[in-house]
């Protein structure tokens, strides 16, 4: 499978100075298992999957999108 993604630096005002963050802007066709595999493949501190809005929203930014952040399983509080 091929998915569109962006890698951005966050928490910095200088290029290449922040934390890496992977963003998949259209994750509606990716299963939970697929998201977990993608998270492991990027191996970043955070990976964000953008999904269509549902009621009630999980996190809404902007109004027509939901953001579903995923952390590697080693960073979760299970």
PDB file of N, CA and C in Angstrom:
ATOM      1  N   UNK A   1       0.843  -1.185   0.000  1.00  0.00           N
ATOM      2  CA  UNK A   1       0.000   0.000   0.000  1.00  0.00           C
ATOM      3  C   UNK A   1       0.881   1.238   0.000  1.00  0.00           C
ATOM      4  N   UNK A   2       0.369   2.296  -0.620  1.00  0.00           N
ATOM      5  CA  UNK A   2       1.047   3.576  -0.622  1.00  0.00           C
ATOM      6  C   UNK A   2       0.142   4.597   0.051  1.00  0.00           C
ATOM      7  N   UNK A   3       0.710   5.370   0.967  1.00  0.00           N
ATOM      8  CA  UNK A   3      -0.035   6.403   1.680  1.00  0.00           C
ATOM      9  C   UNK A   3       0.718   7.719   1.572  1.00  0.00           C
ATOM     10  N   UNK A   4      -0.031   8.796   1.442  1.00  0.00           N
ATOM     11  CA  UNK A   4       0.554  10.124   1.435  1.00  0.00           C
ATOM     12  C   UNK A   4       0.895  10.513   2.863  1.00  0.00           C
ATOM     13  N   UNK A   5       2.081  11.082   3.059  1.00  0.00           N
ATOM     14  CA  UNK A   5       2.467  11.530   4.395  1.00  0.00           C
ATOM     15  C   UNK A   5       3.381  12.741   4.289  1.00  0.00           C
ATOM     16  N   UNK A   6       3.462  13.476   5.375  1.00  0.00           N
ATOM     17  CA  UNK A   6       4.370  14.612   5.513  1.00  0.00           C
ATOM     18  C   UNK A   6       5.193  14.387   6.772  1.00  0.00           C
ATOM     19  N   UNK A   7       6.451  14.761   6.728  1.00  0.00           N
ATOM     20  CA  UNK A   7       7.286  14.751   7.924  1.00  0.00           C
ATOM     21  C   UNK A   7       7.558  16.212   8.263  1.00  0.00           C
ATOM     22  N   UNK A   8       7.200  16.595   9.476  1.00  0.00           N
ATOM     23  CA  UNK A   8       7.359  17.985   9.901  1.00  0.00           C
ATOM     24  C   UNK A   8       8.172  18.043  11.183  1.00  0.00           C
ATOM     25  N   UNK A   9       8.835  19.182  11.373  1.00  0.00           N
ATOM     26  CA  UNK A   9       9.535  19.455  12.631  1.00  0.00           C
ATOM     27  C   UNK A   9       8.607  20.286  13.494  1.00  0.00           C
ATOM     28  N   UNK A  10       8.452  19.909  14.734  1.00  0.00           N
ATOM     29  CA  UNK A  10       7.583  20.651  15.653  1.00  0.00           C
ATOM     30  C   UNK A  10       8.394  21.096  16.865  1.00  0.00           C
ATOM     31  N   UNK A  11       7.875  22.084  17.575  1.00  0.00           N
ATOM     32  CA  UNK A  11       8.493  22.619  18.786  1.00  0.00           C
ATOM     33  C   UNK A  11       9.846  23.269  18.509  1.00  0.00           C
ATOM     34  N   UNK A  12       9.961  23.949  17.354  1.00  0.00           N
ATOM     35  CA  UNK A  12      11.193  24.654  17.031  1.00  0.00           C
ATOM     36  C   UNK A  12      10.889  25.781  16.062  1.00  0.00           C
ATOM     37  N   UNK A  13      11.640  26.852  16.158  1.00  0.00           N
ATOM     38  CA  UNK A  13      11.494  27.959  15.215  1.00  0.00           C
ATOM     39  C   UNK A  13      12.555  27.899  14.129  1.00  0.00           C
ATOM     40  N   UNK A  14      13.430  26.886  14.165  1.00  0.00           N
ATOM     41  CA  UNK A  14      14.461  26.740  13.146  1.00  0.00           C
ATOM     42  C   UNK A  14      14.278  25.419  12.412  1.00  0.00           C
ATOM     43  N   UNK A  15      14.628  25.441  11.128  1.00  0.00           N
ATOM     44  CA  UNK A  15      14.506  24.227  10.314  1.00  0.00           C
ATOM     45  C   UNK A  15      15.419  23.133  10.855  1.00  0.00           C
ATOM     46  N   UNK A  16      14.917  21.919  10.865  1.00  0.00           N
ATOM     47  CA  UNK A  16      15.643  20.731  11.314  1.00  0.00           C
ATOM     48  C   UNK A  16      16.035  20.792  12.792  1.00  0.00           C
ATOM     49  N   UNK A  17      15.331  21.608  13.563  1.00  0.00           N
ATOM     50  CA  UNK A  17      15.686  21.756  14.964  1.00  0.00           C
ATOM     51  C   UNK A  17      14.685  21.156  15.928  1.00  0.00           C
ATOM     52  N   UNK A  18      13.536  20.759  15.442  1.00  0.00           N
ATOM     53  CA  UNK A  18      12.502  20.278  16.351  1.00  0.00           C
ATOM     54  C   UNK A  18      12.390  18.771  16.376  1.00  0.00           C
ATOM     55  N   UNK A  19      11.300  18.313  16.937  1.00  0.00           N
ATOM     56  CA  UNK A  19      10.999  16.881  16.960  1.00  0.00           C
ATOM     57  C   UNK A  19      10.338  16.499  15.645  1.00  0.00           C
ATOM     58  N   UNK A  20      10.691  15.352  15.120  1.00  0.00           N
ATOM     59  CA  UNK A  20      10.062  14.866  13.897  1.00  0.00           C
ATOM     60  C   UNK A  20       8.663  14.356  14.210  1.00  0.00           C
ATOM     61  N   UNK A  21       7.743  14.658  13.307  1.00  0.00           N
ATOM     62  CA  UNK A  21       6.364  14.200  13.433  1.00  0.00           C
ATOM     63  C   UNK A  21       5.896  13.772  12.054  1.00  0.00           C
ATOM     64  N   UNK A  22       5.372  12.562  11.934  1.00  0.00           N
ATOM     65  CA  UNK A  22       4.801  12.097  10.678  1.00  0.00           C
ATOM     66  C   UNK A  22       3.303  12.365  10.705  1.00  0.00           C
ATOM     67  N   UNK A  23       2.772  12.920   9.612  1.00  0.00           N
ATOM     68  CA  UNK A  23       1.345  13.198   9.489  1.00  0.00           C
ATOM     69  C   UNK A  23       0.827  12.513   8.237  1.00  0.00           C
ATOM     70  N   UNK A  24      -0.182  11.670   8.400  1.00  0.00           N
ATOM     71  CA  UNK A  24      -0.853  11.037   7.271  1.00  0.00           C
ATOM     72  C   UNK A  24      -2.201  11.729   7.121  1.00  0.00           C
ATOM     73  N   UNK A  25      -2.349  12.621   6.113  1.00  0.00           N
ATOM     74  CA  UNK A  25      -3.529  13.480   6.023  1.00  0.00           C
ATOM     75  C   UNK A  25      -4.831  12.777   5.641  1.00  0.00           C
ATOM     76  N   UNK A  26      -4.770  11.571   5.100  1.00  0.00           N
ATOM     77  CA  UNK A  26      -5.994  10.839   4.760  1.00  0.00           C
ATOM     78  C   UNK A  26      -5.840   9.398   5.213  1.00  0.00           C
ATOM     79  N   UNK A  27      -6.175   9.151   6.469  1.00  0.00           N
ATOM     80  CA  UNK A  27      -5.982   7.821   7.048  1.00  0.00           C
ATOM     81  C   UNK A  27      -7.279   7.025   7.120  1.00  0.00           C
ATOM     82  N   UNK A  28      -8.305   7.458   6.418  1.00  0.00           N
ATOM     83  CA  UNK A  28      -9.619   6.815   6.536  1.00  0.00           C
ATOM     84  C   UNK A  28      -9.614   5.349   6.089  1.00  0.00           C
ATOM     85  N   UNK A  29      -8.689   4.963   5.235  1.00  0.00           N
ATOM     86  CA  UNK A  29      -8.669   3.576   4.758  1.00  0.00           C
ATOM     87  C   UNK A  29      -7.655   2.712   5.498  1.00  0.00           C
ATOM     88  N   UNK A  30      -7.011   3.255   6.525  1.00  0.00           N
ATOM     89  CA  UNK A  30      -5.981   2.505   7.239  1.00  0.00           C
ATOM     90  C   UNK A  30      -6.585   1.875   8.490  1.00  0.00           C
ATOM     91  N   UNK A  31      -6.414   0.586   8.648  1.00  0.00           N
ATOM     92  CA  UNK A  31      -6.918  -0.118   9.832  1.00  0.00           C
ATOM     93  C   UNK A  31      -6.068   0.237  11.048  1.00  0.00           C
ATOM     94  N   UNK A  32      -6.581  -0.083  12.217  1.00  0.00           N
ATOM     95  CA  UNK A  32      -5.814   0.132  13.441  1.00  0.00           C
ATOM     96  C   UNK A  32      -4.497  -0.640  13.383  1.00  0.00           C
ATOM     97  N   UNK A  33      -4.549  -1.871  12.926  1.00  0.00           N
ATOM     98  CA  UNK A  33      -3.334  -2.674  12.784  1.00  0.00           C
ATOM     99  C   UNK A  33      -2.361  -2.025  11.801  1.00  0.00           C
ATOM    100  N   UNK A  34      -2.897  -1.490  10.704  1.00  0.00           N
ATOM    101  CA  UNK A  34      -2.059  -0.805   9.730  1.00  0.00           C
ATOM    102  C   UNK A  34      -1.407   0.434  10.326  1.00  0.00           C
ATOM    103  N   UNK A  35      -2.158   1.181  11.138  1.00  0.00           N
ATOM    104  CA  UNK A  35      -1.602   2.357  11.804  1.00  0.00           C
ATOM    105  C   UNK A  35      -0.451   1.966  12.718  1.00  0.00           C
ATOM    106  N   UNK A  36      -0.624   0.885  13.455  1.00  0.00           N
ATOM    107  CA  UNK A  36       0.432   0.422  14.350  1.00  0.00           C
ATOM    108  C   UNK A  36       1.697   0.068  13.562  1.00  0.00           C
ATOM    109  N   UNK A  37       1.537  -0.572  12.412  1.00  0.00           N
ATOM    110  CA  UNK A  37       2.691  -0.925  11.585  1.00  0.00           C
ATOM    111  C   UNK A  37       3.394   0.328  11.059  1.00  0.00           C
ATOM    112  N   UNK A  38       2.607   1.315  10.661  1.00  0.00           N
ATOM    113  CA  UNK A  38       3.172   2.566  10.162  1.00  0.00           C
ATOM    114  C   UNK A  38       3.931   3.284  11.272  1.00  0.00           C
ATOM    115  N   UNK A  39       3.359   3.307  12.479  1.00  0.00           N
ATOM    116  CA  UNK A  39       4.024   3.929  13.628  1.00  0.00           C
ATOM    117  C   UNK A  39       5.386   3.276  13.863  1.00  0.00           C
ATOM    118  N   UNK A  40       5.427   1.960  13.839  1.00  0.00           N
ATOM    119  CA  UNK A  40       6.693   1.255  14.051  1.00  0.00           C
ATOM    120  C   UNK A  40       7.688   1.553  12.928  1.00  0.00           C
ATOM    121  N   UNK A  41       7.196   1.654  11.709  1.00  0.00           N
ATOM    122  CA  UNK A  41       8.078   1.915  10.566  1.00  0.00           C
ATOM    123  C   UNK A  41       8.718   3.300  10.649  1.00  0.00           C
ATOM    124  N   UNK A  42       7.932   4.328  11.002  1.00  0.00           N
ATOM    125  CA  UNK A  42       8.504   5.667  11.134  1.00  0.00           C
ATOM    126  C   UNK A  42       9.452   5.735  12.329  1.00  0.00           C
ATOM    127  N   UNK A  43       9.101   5.100  13.415  1.00  0.00           N
ATOM    128  CA  UNK A  43       9.923   5.092  14.625  1.00  0.00           C
ATOM    129  C   UNK A  43      10.188   6.509  15.150  1.00  0.00           C
ATOM    130  N   UNK A  44       9.192   7.405  15.026  1.00  0.00           N
ATOM    131  CA  UNK A  44       9.270   8.757  15.568  1.00  0.00           C
ATOM    132  C   UNK A  44       8.585   8.758  16.928  1.00  0.00           C
ATOM    133  N   UNK A  45       8.762   9.857  17.656  1.00  0.00           N
ATOM    134  CA  UNK A  45       8.089  10.004  18.937  1.00  0.00           C
ATOM    135  C   UNK A  45       6.584  10.030  18.789  1.00  0.00           C
ATOM    136  N   UNK A  46       6.100  10.591  17.677  1.00  0.00           N
ATOM    137  CA  UNK A  46       4.656  10.658  17.431  1.00  0.00           C
ATOM    138  C   UNK A  46       4.371  10.538  15.945  1.00  0.00           C
ATOM    139  N   UNK A  47       3.244   9.935  15.620  1.00  0.00           N
ATOM    140  CA  UNK A  47       2.716   9.864  14.267  1.00  0.00           C
ATOM    141  C   UNK A  47       1.244  10.218  14.356  1.00  0.00           C
ATOM    142  N   UNK A  48       0.775  11.085  13.444  1.00  0.00           N
ATOM    143  CA  UNK A  48      -0.612  11.549  13.499  1.00  0.00           C
ATOM    144  C   UNK A  48      -1.363  11.101  12.259  1.00  0.00           C
ATOM    145  N   UNK A  49      -2.562  10.542  12.482  1.00  0.00           N
ATOM    146  CA  UNK A  49      -3.435  10.090  11.410  1.00  0.00           C
ATOM    147  C   UNK A  49      -4.670  10.986  11.388  1.00  0.00           C
ATOM    148  N   UNK A  50      -4.949  11.592  10.237  1.00  0.00           N
ATOM    149  CA  UNK A  50      -6.107  12.470  10.102  1.00  0.00           C
ATOM    150  C   UNK A  50      -7.263  11.650   9.540  1.00  0.00           C
ATOM    151  N   UNK A  51      -8.393  11.688  10.263  1.00  0.00           N
ATOM    152  CA  UNK A  51      -9.582  10.924   9.901  1.00  0.00           C
ATOM    153  C   UNK A  51     -10.771  11.854   9.718  1.00  0.00           C
ATOM    154  N   UNK A  52     -11.790  11.435   8.951  1.00  0.00           N
ATOM    155  CA  UNK A  52     -13.000  12.254   8.834  1.00  0.00           C
ATOM    156  C   UNK A  52     -13.654  12.435  10.198  1.00  0.00           C
ATOM    157  N   UNK A  53     -14.328  13.538  10.362  1.00  0.00           N
ATOM    158  CA  UNK A  53     -14.983  13.856  11.631  1.00  0.00           C
ATOM    159  C   UNK A  53     -16.116  12.873  11.915  1.00  0.00           C
ATOM    160  N   UNK A  54     -16.198  12.448  13.176  1.00  0.00           N
ATOM    161  CA  UNK A  54     -17.302  11.621  13.660  1.00  0.00           C
ATOM    162  C   UNK A  54     -17.916  12.333  14.852  1.00  0.00           C
ATOM    163  N   UNK A  55     -19.146  11.997  15.194  1.00  0.00           N
ATOM    164  CA  UNK A  55     -19.786  12.570  16.376  1.00  0.00           C
ATOM    165  C   UNK A  55     -19.798  11.551  17.484  1.00  0.00           C
ATOM    166  N   UNK A  56     -19.348  11.825  18.675  1.00  0.00           N
ATOM    167  CA  UNK A  56     -18.641  13.041  19.070  1.00  0.00           C
ATOM    168  C   UNK A  56     -17.196  12.977  18.605  1.00  0.00           C
ATOM    169  N   UNK A  57     -16.592  14.118  18.290  1.00  0.00           N
ATOM    170  CA  UNK A  57     -15.206  14.103  17.801  1.00  0.00           C
ATOM    171  C   UNK A  57     -14.221  13.706  18.888  1.00  0.00           C
ATOM    172  N   UNK A  58     -13.114  13.082  18.489  1.00  0.00           N
ATOM    173  CA  UNK A  58     -12.050  12.755  19.435  1.00  0.00           C
ATOM    174  C   UNK A  58     -11.252  14.033  19.706  1.00  0.00           C
ATOM    175  N   UNK A  59     -10.701  14.611  18.665  1.00  0.00           N
ATOM    176  CA  UNK A  59     -10.009  15.894  18.727  1.00  0.00           C
ATOM    177  C   UNK A  59     -10.328  16.575  17.415  1.00  0.00           C
ATOM    178  N   UNK A  60     -10.745  17.804  17.437  1.00  0.00           N
ATOM    179  CA  UNK A  60     -11.143  18.471  16.212  1.00  0.00           C
ATOM    180  C   UNK A  60     -10.224  19.631  15.866  1.00  0.00           C
ATOM    181  N   UNK A  61      -9.515  19.511  14.737  1.00  0.00           N
ATOM    182  CA  UNK A  61      -8.663  20.589  14.237  1.00  0.00           C
ATOM    183  C   UNK A  61      -8.563  20.438  12.735  1.00  0.00           C
ATOM    184  N   UNK A  62      -9.046  21.289  11.930  1.00  0.00           N
ATOM    185  CA  UNK A  62     -10.126  22.247  12.151  1.00  0.00           C
ATOM    186  C   UNK A  62     -11.463  21.537  12.282  1.00  0.00           C
ATOM    187  N   UNK A  63     -12.553  22.226  12.105  1.00  0.00           N
ATOM    188  CA  UNK A  63     -13.878  21.670  12.402  1.00  0.00           C
ATOM    189  C   UNK A  63     -14.233  20.427  11.596  1.00  0.00           C
ATOM    190  N   UNK A  64     -13.698  20.252  10.409  1.00  0.00           N
ATOM    191  CA  UNK A  64     -14.104  19.115   9.577  1.00  0.00           C
ATOM    192  C   UNK A  64     -13.160  17.909   9.683  1.00  0.00           C
ATOM    193  N   UNK A  65     -12.171  17.961  10.569  1.00  0.00           N
ATOM    194  CA  UNK A  65     -11.221  16.859  10.690  1.00  0.00           C
ATOM    195  C   UNK A  65     -11.098  16.376  12.126  1.00  0.00           C
ATOM    196  N   UNK A  66     -10.761  15.125  12.309  1.00  0.00           N
ATOM    197  CA  UNK A  66     -10.358  14.573  13.611  1.00  0.00           C
ATOM    198  C   UNK A  66      -8.901  14.185  13.513  1.00  0.00           C
ATOM    199  N   UNK A  67      -8.154  14.436  14.545  1.00  0.00           N
ATOM    200  CA  UNK A  67      -6.747  14.059  14.590  1.00  0.00           C
ATOM    201  C   UNK A  67      -6.627  12.891  15.561  1.00  0.00           C
ATOM    202  N   UNK A  68      -6.009  11.817  15.119  1.00  0.00           N
ATOM    203  CA  UNK A  68      -5.835  10.630  15.950  1.00  0.00           C
ATOM    204  C   UNK A  68      -4.345  10.381  16.144  1.00  0.00           C
ATOM    205  N   UNK A  69      -3.766  10.928  17.232  1.00  0.00           N
ATOM    206  CA  UNK A  69      -2.337  10.716  17.437  1.00  0.00           C
ATOM    207  C   UNK A  69      -2.061   9.289  17.878  1.00  0.00           C
ATOM    208  N   UNK A  70      -0.929   8.752  17.474  1.00  0.00           N
ATOM    209  CA  UNK A  70      -0.519   7.407  17.860  1.00  0.00           C
ATOM    210  C   UNK A  70       0.906   7.462  18.375  1.00  0.00           C
ATOM    211  N   UNK A  71       1.142   6.841  19.489  1.00  0.00           N
ATOM    212  CA  UNK A  71       2.483   6.720  20.037  1.00  0.00           C
ATOM    213  C   UNK A  71       2.960   5.295  19.841  1.00  0.00           C
ATOM    214  N   UNK A  72       4.274   5.114  19.673  1.00  0.00           N
ATOM    215  CA  UNK A  72       4.771   3.736  19.643  1.00  0.00           C
ATOM    216  C   UNK A  72       4.347   3.015  20.905  1.00  0.00           C
ATOM    217  N   UNK A  73       4.084   1.735  20.816  1.00  0.00           N
ATOM    218  CA  UNK A  73       3.576   0.983  21.986  1.00  0.00           C
ATOM    219  C   UNK A  73       4.526   1.070  23.168  1.00  0.00           C
ATOM    220  N   UNK A  74       5.808   1.272  22.921  1.00  0.00           N
ATOM    221  CA  UNK A  74       6.759   1.373  24.029  1.00  0.00           C
ATOM    222  C   UNK A  74       6.588   2.649  24.821  1.00  0.00           C
ATOM    223  N   UNK A  75       5.890   3.671  24.283  1.00  0.00           N
ATOM    224  CA  UNK A  75       5.698   4.938  24.981  1.00  0.00           C
ATOM    225  C   UNK A  75       4.317   5.074  25.608  1.00  0.00           C
ATOM    226  N   UNK A  76       3.448   4.079  25.412  1.00  0.00           N
ATOM    227  CA  UNK A  76       2.092   4.155  25.958  1.00  0.00           C
ATOM    228  C   UNK A  76       2.052   3.737  27.411  1.00  0.00           C
ATOM    229  N   UNK A  77       1.088   4.277  28.126  1.00  0.00           N
ATOM    230  CA  UNK A  77       0.845   3.855  29.512  1.00  0.00           C
ATOM    231  C   UNK A  77      -0.205   2.763  29.512  1.00  0.00           C
ATOM    232  N   UNK A  78       0.213   1.524  29.368  1.00  0.00           N
ATOM    233  CA  UNK A  78      -0.761   0.409  29.335  1.00  0.00           C
ATOM    234  C   UNK A  78      -1.043  -0.106  30.709  1.00  0.00           C
TER     235      UNK A  78
END
